[in-house]
């Protein structure tokens, strides 16, 4: 998180902001064929940028978010399919 950004109150008061940050992280994270994470810091930065802008609407996000980064997906089934 950016220094000086108090994001902890969002966890109880603004759960949709936290949900969106998790969605961005999950959409951006990339893994190779062995499951090795290739871009953990970039995914973290993108999610953090969202929270920072949520708290401070003047925060400049570079590059701007693309639609696919912000997309929310349906939750997984409650039970494993296999």
PDB file of N, CA and C in Angstrom:
ATOM      1  N   UNK A   1       0.836  -1.196   0.000  1.00  0.00           N
ATOM      2  CA  UNK A   1       0.000   0.000   0.000  1.00  0.00           C
ATOM      3  C   UNK A   1       0.873   1.249   0.000  1.00  0.00           C
ATOM      4  N   UNK A   2       0.383   2.293  -0.592  1.00  0.00           N
ATOM      5  CA  UNK A   2       1.136   3.545  -0.547  1.00  0.00           C
ATOM      6  C   UNK A   2       1.247   4.046   0.894  1.00  0.00           C
ATOM      7  N   UNK A   3       2.404   4.567   1.233  1.00  0.00           N
ATOM      8  CA  UNK A   3       2.584   5.102   2.582  1.00  0.00           C
ATOM      9  C   UNK A   3       1.565   6.183   2.856  1.00  0.00           C
ATOM     10  N   UNK A   4       1.038   6.175   4.079  1.00  0.00           N
ATOM     11  CA  UNK A   4       0.105   7.198   4.502  1.00  0.00           C
ATOM     12  C   UNK A   4      -1.323   6.974   4.041  1.00  0.00           C
ATOM     13  N   UNK A   5      -1.585   5.871   3.352  1.00  0.00           N
ATOM     14  CA  UNK A   5      -2.943   5.571   2.900  1.00  0.00           C
ATOM     15  C   UNK A   5      -3.589   4.646   3.917  1.00  0.00           C
ATOM     16  N   UNK A   6      -4.604   5.160   4.605  1.00  0.00           N
ATOM     17  CA  UNK A   6      -5.284   4.382   5.633  1.00  0.00           C
ATOM     18  C   UNK A   6      -6.423   3.599   4.991  1.00  0.00           C
ATOM     19  N   UNK A   7      -6.141   2.358   4.602  1.00  0.00           N
ATOM     20  CA  UNK A   7      -7.118   1.547   3.896  1.00  0.00           C
ATOM     21  C   UNK A   7      -7.871   0.584   4.807  1.00  0.00           C
ATOM     22  N   UNK A   8      -7.412   0.359   6.023  1.00  0.00           N
ATOM     23  CA  UNK A   8      -8.031  -0.605   6.933  1.00  0.00           C
ATOM     24  C   UNK A   8      -9.521  -0.327   7.156  1.00  0.00           C
ATOM     25  N   UNK A   9      -9.973   0.926   7.320  1.00  0.00           N
ATOM     26  CA  UNK A   9     -11.409   1.154   7.522  1.00  0.00           C
ATOM     27  C   UNK A   9     -12.284   0.669   6.359  1.00  0.00           C
ATOM     28  N   UNK A  10     -11.711   0.518   5.183  1.00  0.00           N
ATOM     29  CA  UNK A  10     -12.492   0.040   4.047  1.00  0.00           C
ATOM     30  C   UNK A  10     -12.996  -1.384   4.255  1.00  0.00           C
ATOM     31  N   UNK A  11     -12.256  -2.189   5.019  1.00  0.00           N
ATOM     32  CA  UNK A  11     -12.609  -3.598   5.165  1.00  0.00           C
ATOM     33  C   UNK A  11     -13.995  -3.801   5.748  1.00  0.00           C
ATOM     34  N   UNK A  12     -14.419  -2.992   6.684  1.00  0.00           N
ATOM     35  CA  UNK A  12     -15.748  -3.133   7.250  1.00  0.00           C
ATOM     36  C   UNK A  12     -16.769  -2.229   6.610  1.00  0.00           C
ATOM     37  N   UNK A  13     -16.338  -1.043   6.210  1.00  0.00           N
ATOM     38  CA  UNK A  13     -17.278  -0.036   5.727  1.00  0.00           C
ATOM     39  C   UNK A  13     -17.498  -0.080   4.215  1.00  0.00           C
ATOM     40  N   UNK A  14     -16.525  -0.499   3.463  1.00  0.00           N
ATOM     41  CA  UNK A  14     -16.600  -0.473   1.996  1.00  0.00           C
ATOM     42  C   UNK A  14     -16.147  -1.811   1.401  1.00  0.00           C
ATOM     43  N   UNK A  15     -16.872  -2.891   1.704  1.00  0.00           N
ATOM     44  CA  UNK A  15     -16.423  -4.194   1.203  1.00  0.00           C
ATOM     45  C   UNK A  15     -16.359  -4.282  -0.313  1.00  0.00           C
ATOM     46  N   UNK A  16     -17.169  -3.509  -1.033  1.00  0.00           N
ATOM     47  CA  UNK A  16     -17.114  -3.576  -2.492  1.00  0.00           C
ATOM     48  C   UNK A  16     -15.788  -3.040  -3.025  1.00  0.00           C
ATOM     49  N   UNK A  17     -15.182  -2.090  -2.324  1.00  0.00           N
ATOM     50  CA  UNK A  17     -13.870  -1.576  -2.743  1.00  0.00           C
ATOM     51  C   UNK A  17     -12.813  -2.663  -2.597  1.00  0.00           C
ATOM     52  N   UNK A  18     -12.897  -3.417  -1.520  1.00  0.00           N
ATOM     53  CA  UNK A  18     -11.940  -4.508  -1.309  1.00  0.00           C
ATOM     54  C   UNK A  18     -12.186  -5.617  -2.334  1.00  0.00           C
ATOM     55  N   UNK A  19     -13.453  -5.926  -2.597  1.00  0.00           N
ATOM     56  CA  UNK A  19     -13.789  -6.927  -3.611  1.00  0.00           C
ATOM     57  C   UNK A  19     -13.207  -6.532  -4.963  1.00  0.00           C
ATOM     58  N   UNK A  20     -13.326  -5.250  -5.329  1.00  0.00           N
ATOM     59  CA  UNK A  20     -12.808  -4.793  -6.613  1.00  0.00           C
ATOM     60  C   UNK A  20     -11.285  -4.895  -6.656  1.00  0.00           C
ATOM     61  N   UNK A  21     -10.622  -4.564  -5.560  1.00  0.00           N
ATOM     62  CA  UNK A  21      -9.164  -4.676  -5.516  1.00  0.00           C
ATOM     63  C   UNK A  21      -8.725  -6.130  -5.688  1.00  0.00           C
ATOM     64  N   UNK A  22      -9.420  -7.061  -5.030  1.00  0.00           N
ATOM     65  CA  UNK A  22      -9.103  -8.488  -5.203  1.00  0.00           C
ATOM     66  C   UNK A  22      -9.352  -8.919  -6.646  1.00  0.00           C
ATOM     67  N   UNK A  23     -10.451  -8.439  -7.248  1.00  0.00           N
ATOM     68  CA  UNK A  23     -10.753  -8.797  -8.634  1.00  0.00           C
ATOM     69  C   UNK A  23      -9.645  -8.306  -9.565  1.00  0.00           C
ATOM     70  N   UNK A  24      -9.198  -7.082  -9.359  1.00  0.00           N
ATOM     71  CA  UNK A  24      -8.111  -6.550 -10.191  1.00  0.00           C
ATOM     72  C   UNK A  24      -6.866  -7.409 -10.040  1.00  0.00           C
ATOM     73  N   UNK A  25      -6.510  -7.725  -8.800  1.00  0.00           N
ATOM     74  CA  UNK A  25      -5.327  -8.559  -8.574  1.00  0.00           C
ATOM     75  C   UNK A  25      -5.464  -9.899  -9.300  1.00  0.00           C
ATOM     76  N   UNK A  26      -6.623 -10.545  -9.149  1.00  0.00           N
ATOM     77  CA  UNK A  26      -6.831 -11.860  -9.762  1.00  0.00           C
ATOM     78  C   UNK A  26      -6.851 -11.773 -11.284  1.00  0.00           C
ATOM     79  N   UNK A  27      -7.387 -10.703 -11.833  1.00  0.00           N
ATOM     80  CA  UNK A  27      -7.432 -10.542 -13.288  1.00  0.00           C
ATOM     81  C   UNK A  27      -6.060 -10.261 -13.884  1.00  0.00           C
ATOM     82  N   UNK A  28      -5.208  -9.590 -13.138  1.00  0.00           N
ATOM     83  CA  UNK A  28      -3.910  -9.157 -13.658  1.00  0.00           C
ATOM     84  C   UNK A  28      -2.813 -10.201 -13.432  1.00  0.00           C
ATOM     85  N   UNK A  29      -2.902 -10.965 -12.362  1.00  0.00           N
ATOM     86  CA  UNK A  29      -1.829 -11.914 -12.040  1.00  0.00           C
ATOM     87  C   UNK A  29      -1.633 -12.902 -13.201  1.00  0.00           C
ATOM     88  N   UNK A  30      -0.396 -13.189 -13.520  1.00  0.00           N
ATOM     89  CA  UNK A  30      -0.071 -14.112 -14.609  1.00  0.00           C
ATOM     90  C   UNK A  30       0.807 -15.237 -14.073  1.00  0.00           C
ATOM     91  N   UNK A  31       0.519 -16.437 -14.533  1.00  0.00           N
ATOM     92  CA  UNK A  31       1.286 -17.607 -14.126  1.00  0.00           C
ATOM     93  C   UNK A  31       1.796 -18.318 -15.375  1.00  0.00           C
ATOM     94  N   UNK A  32       2.943 -18.972 -15.232  1.00  0.00           N
ATOM     95  CA  UNK A  32       3.431 -19.762 -16.353  1.00  0.00           C
ATOM     96  C   UNK A  32       2.802 -21.156 -16.286  1.00  0.00           C
ATOM     97  N   UNK A  33       3.191 -22.027 -17.202  1.00  0.00           N
ATOM     98  CA  UNK A  33       2.598 -23.366 -17.278  1.00  0.00           C
ATOM     99  C   UNK A  33       2.863 -24.221 -16.040  1.00  0.00           C
ATOM    100  N   UNK A  34       3.840 -23.832 -15.223  1.00  0.00           N
ATOM    101  CA  UNK A  34       4.137 -24.561 -13.987  1.00  0.00           C
ATOM    102  C   UNK A  34       3.481 -23.939 -12.762  1.00  0.00           C
ATOM    103  N   UNK A  35       2.750 -22.866 -12.971  1.00  0.00           N
ATOM    104  CA  UNK A  35       2.088 -22.193 -11.855  1.00  0.00           C
ATOM    105  C   UNK A  35       2.962 -21.160 -11.163  1.00  0.00           C
ATOM    106  N   UNK A  36       4.109 -20.842 -11.730  1.00  0.00           N
ATOM    107  CA  UNK A  36       4.988 -19.825 -11.165  1.00  0.00           C
ATOM    108  C   UNK A  36       4.428 -18.442 -11.488  1.00  0.00           C
ATOM    109  N   UNK A  37       4.308 -17.609 -10.466  1.00  0.00           N
ATOM    110  CA  UNK A  37       3.784 -16.257 -10.666  1.00  0.00           C
ATOM    111  C   UNK A  37       4.834 -15.420 -11.379  1.00  0.00           C
ATOM    112  N   UNK A  38       4.410 -14.725 -12.430  1.00  0.00           N
ATOM    113  CA  UNK A  38       5.326 -13.954 -13.261  1.00  0.00           C
ATOM    114  C   UNK A  38       5.304 -12.454 -12.983  1.00  0.00           C
ATOM    115  N   UNK A  39       4.232 -11.959 -12.371  1.00  0.00           N
ATOM    116  CA  UNK A  39       4.094 -10.507 -12.246  1.00  0.00           C
ATOM    117  C   UNK A  39       3.421 -10.097 -10.931  1.00  0.00           C
ATOM    118  N   UNK A  40       3.839 -10.665  -9.838  1.00  0.00           N
ATOM    119  CA  UNK A  40       3.197 -10.397  -8.549  1.00  0.00           C
ATOM    120  C   UNK A  40       3.205  -8.912  -8.193  1.00  0.00           C
ATOM    121  N   UNK A  41       4.303  -8.238  -8.389  1.00  0.00           N
ATOM    122  CA  UNK A  41       4.397  -6.818  -8.027  1.00  0.00           C
ATOM    123  C   UNK A  41       3.497  -5.950  -8.900  1.00  0.00           C
ATOM    124  N   UNK A  42       3.384  -6.288 -10.192  1.00  0.00           N
ATOM    125  CA  UNK A  42       2.514  -5.517 -11.076  1.00  0.00           C
ATOM    126  C   UNK A  42       1.047  -5.708 -10.672  1.00  0.00           C
ATOM    127  N   UNK A  43       0.647  -6.934 -10.389  1.00  0.00           N
ATOM    128  CA  UNK A  43      -0.728  -7.199  -9.955  1.00  0.00           C
ATOM    129  C   UNK A  43      -1.010  -6.468  -8.643  1.00  0.00           C
ATOM    130  N   UNK A  44      -0.050  -6.488  -7.734  1.00  0.00           N
ATOM    131  CA  UNK A  44      -0.192  -5.769  -6.463  1.00  0.00           C
ATOM    132  C   UNK A  44      -0.331  -4.264  -6.710  1.00  0.00           C
ATOM    133  N   UNK A  45       0.484  -3.729  -7.598  1.00  0.00           N
ATOM    134  CA  UNK A  45       0.426  -2.292  -7.891  1.00  0.00           C
ATOM    135  C   UNK A  45      -0.926  -1.893  -8.460  1.00  0.00           C
ATOM    136  N   UNK A  46      -1.450  -2.705  -9.385  1.00  0.00           N
ATOM    137  CA  UNK A  46      -2.735  -2.378  -9.992  1.00  0.00           C
ATOM    138  C   UNK A  46      -3.855  -2.387  -8.944  1.00  0.00           C
ATOM    139  N   UNK A  47      -3.874  -3.384  -8.075  1.00  0.00           N
ATOM    140  CA  UNK A  47      -4.893  -3.448  -7.027  1.00  0.00           C
ATOM    141  C   UNK A  47      -4.735  -2.291  -6.053  1.00  0.00           C
ATOM    142  N   UNK A  48      -3.498  -1.985  -5.714  1.00  0.00           N
ATOM    143  CA  UNK A  48      -3.221  -0.887  -4.797  1.00  0.00           C
ATOM    144  C   UNK A  48      -3.602   0.459  -5.403  1.00  0.00           C
ATOM    145  N   UNK A  49      -3.333   0.619  -6.694  1.00  0.00           N
ATOM    146  CA  UNK A  49      -3.735   1.855  -7.371  1.00  0.00           C
ATOM    147  C   UNK A  49      -5.244   2.074  -7.264  1.00  0.00           C
ATOM    148  N   UNK A  50      -6.007   0.995  -7.389  1.00  0.00           N
ATOM    149  CA  UNK A  50      -7.467   1.119  -7.285  1.00  0.00           C
ATOM    150  C   UNK A  50      -7.858   1.627  -5.894  1.00  0.00           C
ATOM    151  N   UNK A  51      -7.297   1.019  -4.853  1.00  0.00           N
ATOM    152  CA  UNK A  51      -7.625   1.437  -3.486  1.00  0.00           C
ATOM    153  C   UNK A  51      -7.185   2.878  -3.252  1.00  0.00           C
ATOM    154  N   UNK A  52      -5.999   3.207  -3.722  1.00  0.00           N
ATOM    155  CA  UNK A  52      -5.489   4.568  -3.545  1.00  0.00           C
ATOM    156  C   UNK A  52      -6.437   5.579  -4.216  1.00  0.00           C
ATOM    157  N   UNK A  53      -6.871   5.269  -5.446  1.00  0.00           N
ATOM    158  CA  UNK A  53      -7.783   6.169  -6.132  1.00  0.00           C
ATOM    159  C   UNK A  53      -9.158   6.188  -5.450  1.00  0.00           C
ATOM    160  N   UNK A  54      -9.578   5.075  -4.894  1.00  0.00           N
ATOM    161  CA  UNK A  54     -10.863   5.018  -4.196  1.00  0.00           C
ATOM    162  C   UNK A  54     -10.847   5.978  -3.008  1.00  0.00           C
ATOM    163  N   UNK A  55      -9.723   5.986  -2.287  1.00  0.00           N
ATOM    164  CA  UNK A  55      -9.583   6.869  -1.129  1.00  0.00           C
ATOM    165  C   UNK A  55      -9.342   8.309  -1.566  1.00  0.00           C
ATOM    166  N   UNK A  56      -8.538   8.488  -2.610  1.00  0.00           N
ATOM    167  CA  UNK A  56      -8.194   9.817  -3.112  1.00  0.00           C
ATOM    168  C   UNK A  56      -8.529   9.895  -4.604  1.00  0.00           C
ATOM    169  N   UNK A  57      -9.714  10.396  -4.960  1.00  0.00           N
ATOM    170  CA  UNK A  57     -10.130  10.442  -6.367  1.00  0.00           C
ATOM    171  C   UNK A  57      -9.168  11.210  -7.281  1.00  0.00           C
ATOM    172  N   UNK A  58      -8.266  11.996  -6.729  1.00  0.00           N
ATOM    173  CA  UNK A  58      -7.293  12.726  -7.537  1.00  0.00           C
ATOM    174  C   UNK A  58      -6.046  11.911  -7.859  1.00  0.00           C
ATOM    175  N   UNK A  59      -5.934  10.729  -7.269  1.00  0.00           N
ATOM    176  CA  UNK A  59      -4.770   9.871  -7.527  1.00  0.00           C
ATOM    177  C   UNK A  59      -4.742   9.476  -9.004  1.00  0.00           C
ATOM    178  N   UNK A  60      -3.616   9.687  -9.642  1.00  0.00           N
ATOM    179  CA  UNK A  60      -3.438   9.384 -11.064  1.00  0.00           C
ATOM    180  C   UNK A  60      -2.969   7.939 -11.219  1.00  0.00           C
ATOM    181  N   UNK A  61      -3.721   7.158 -11.945  1.00  0.00           N
ATOM    182  CA  UNK A  61      -3.359   5.764 -12.219  1.00  0.00           C
ATOM    183  C   UNK A  61      -2.755   5.707 -13.615  1.00  0.00           C
ATOM    184  N   UNK A  62      -1.541   5.197 -13.700  1.00  0.00           N
ATOM    185  CA  UNK A  62      -0.829   5.067 -14.972  1.00  0.00           C
ATOM    186  C   UNK A  62      -0.360   3.637 -15.163  1.00  0.00           C
ATOM    187  N   UNK A  63      -0.715   2.988 -16.234  1.00  0.00           N
ATOM    188  CA  UNK A  63      -1.723   3.391 -17.196  1.00  0.00           C
ATOM    189  C   UNK A  63      -3.117   3.256 -16.599  1.00  0.00           C
ATOM    190  N   UNK A  64      -4.087   3.925 -17.217  1.00  0.00           N
ATOM    191  CA  UNK A  64      -5.470   3.821 -16.753  1.00  0.00           C
ATOM    192  C   UNK A  64      -5.907   2.356 -16.792  1.00  0.00           C
ATOM    193  N   UNK A  65      -6.848   2.014 -15.937  1.00  0.00           N
ATOM    194  CA  UNK A  65      -7.362   0.648 -15.932  1.00  0.00           C
ATOM    195  C   UNK A  65      -8.062   0.324 -17.244  1.00  0.00           C
ATOM    196  N   UNK A  66      -7.880  -0.908 -17.679  1.00  0.00           N
ATOM    197  CA  UNK A  66      -8.608  -1.415 -18.838  1.00  0.00           C
ATOM    198  C   UNK A  66      -9.824  -2.176 -18.321  1.00  0.00           C
ATOM    199  N   UNK A  67     -10.839  -2.296 -19.160  1.00  0.00           N
ATOM    200  CA  UNK A  67     -12.080  -2.951 -18.738  1.00  0.00           C
ATOM    201  C   UNK A  67     -11.844  -4.353 -18.191  1.00  0.00           C
ATOM    202  N   UNK A  68     -10.972  -5.128 -18.836  1.00  0.00           N
ATOM    203  CA  UNK A  68     -10.749  -6.502 -18.409  1.00  0.00           C
ATOM    204  C   UNK A  68     -10.133  -6.576 -17.010  1.00  0.00           C
ATOM    205  N   UNK A  69      -9.383  -5.544 -16.609  1.00  0.00           N
ATOM    206  CA  UNK A  69      -8.797  -5.537 -15.273  1.00  0.00           C
ATOM    207  C   UNK A  69      -9.868  -5.372 -14.198  1.00  0.00           C
ATOM    208  N   UNK A  70     -10.911  -4.625 -14.508  1.00  0.00           N
ATOM    209  CA  UNK A  70     -11.955  -4.280 -13.546  1.00  0.00           C
ATOM    210  C   UNK A  70     -13.100  -5.282 -13.516  1.00  0.00           C
ATOM    211  N   UNK A  71     -13.092  -6.242 -14.419  1.00  0.00           N
ATOM    212  CA  UNK A  71     -14.218  -7.164 -14.540  1.00  0.00           C
ATOM    213  C   UNK A  71     -14.384  -8.034 -13.295  1.00  0.00           C
ATOM    214  N   UNK A  72     -15.619  -8.103 -12.825  1.00  0.00           N
ATOM    215  CA  UNK A  72     -15.969  -8.994 -11.716  1.00  0.00           C
ATOM    216  C   UNK A  72     -16.537 -10.274 -12.308  1.00  0.00           C
ATOM    217  N   UNK A  73     -16.127 -11.405 -11.784  1.00  0.00           N
ATOM    218  CA  UNK A  73     -16.589 -12.705 -12.271  1.00  0.00           C
ATOM    219  C   UNK A  73     -17.465 -13.348 -11.209  1.00  0.00           C
ATOM    220  N   UNK A  74     -18.291 -14.254 -11.630  1.00  0.00           N
ATOM    221  CA  UNK A  74     -19.145 -14.979 -10.694  1.00  0.00           C
ATOM    222  C   UNK A  74     -18.272 -15.794  -9.736  1.00  0.00           C
ATOM    223  N   UNK A  75     -18.742 -16.013  -8.517  1.00  0.00           N
ATOM    224  CA  UNK A  75     -17.967 -16.815  -7.584  1.00  0.00           C
ATOM    225  C   UNK A  75     -17.924 -18.277  -8.036  1.00  0.00           C
ATOM    226  N   UNK A  76     -16.957 -19.024  -7.548  1.00  0.00           N
ATOM    227  CA  UNK A  76     -16.888 -20.446  -7.903  1.00  0.00           C
ATOM    228  C   UNK A  76     -18.025 -21.203  -7.235  1.00  0.00           C
ATOM    229  N   UNK A  77     -18.306 -22.421  -7.687  1.00  0.00           N
ATOM    230  CA  UNK A  77     -19.358 -23.213  -7.049  1.00  0.00           C
ATOM    231  C   UNK A  77     -18.997 -23.487  -5.585  1.00  0.00           C
ATOM    232  N   UNK A  78     -20.018 -23.739  -4.794  1.00  0.00           N
ATOM    233  CA  UNK A  78     -19.779 -23.992  -3.375  1.00  0.00           C
ATOM    234  C   UNK A  78     -19.094 -25.336  -3.134  1.00  0.00           C
ATOM    235  N   UNK A  79     -19.260 -26.256  -4.061  1.00  0.00           N
ATOM    236  CA  UNK A  79     -18.632 -27.570  -3.938  1.00  0.00           C
ATOM    237  C   UNK A  79     -17.761 -27.834  -5.161  1.00  0.00           C
ATOM    238  N   UNK A  80     -16.660 -28.541  -4.952  1.00  0.00           N
ATOM    239  CA  UNK A  80     -15.800 -28.905  -6.066  1.00  0.00           C
ATOM    240  C   UNK A  80     -16.577 -29.760  -7.061  1.00  0.00           C
ATOM    241  N   UNK A  81     -16.305 -29.563  -8.328  1.00  0.00           N
ATOM    242  CA  UNK A  81     -16.993 -30.313  -9.382  1.00  0.00           C
ATOM    243  C   UNK A  81     -16.385 -31.693  -9.623  1.00  0.00           C
ATOM    244  N   UNK A  82     -15.173 -31.919  -9.107  1.00  0.00           N
ATOM    245  CA  UNK A  82     -14.538 -33.234  -9.283  1.00  0.00           C
ATOM    246  C   UNK A  82     -14.336 -33.893  -7.939  1.00  0.00           C
TER     247      UNK A  82
END
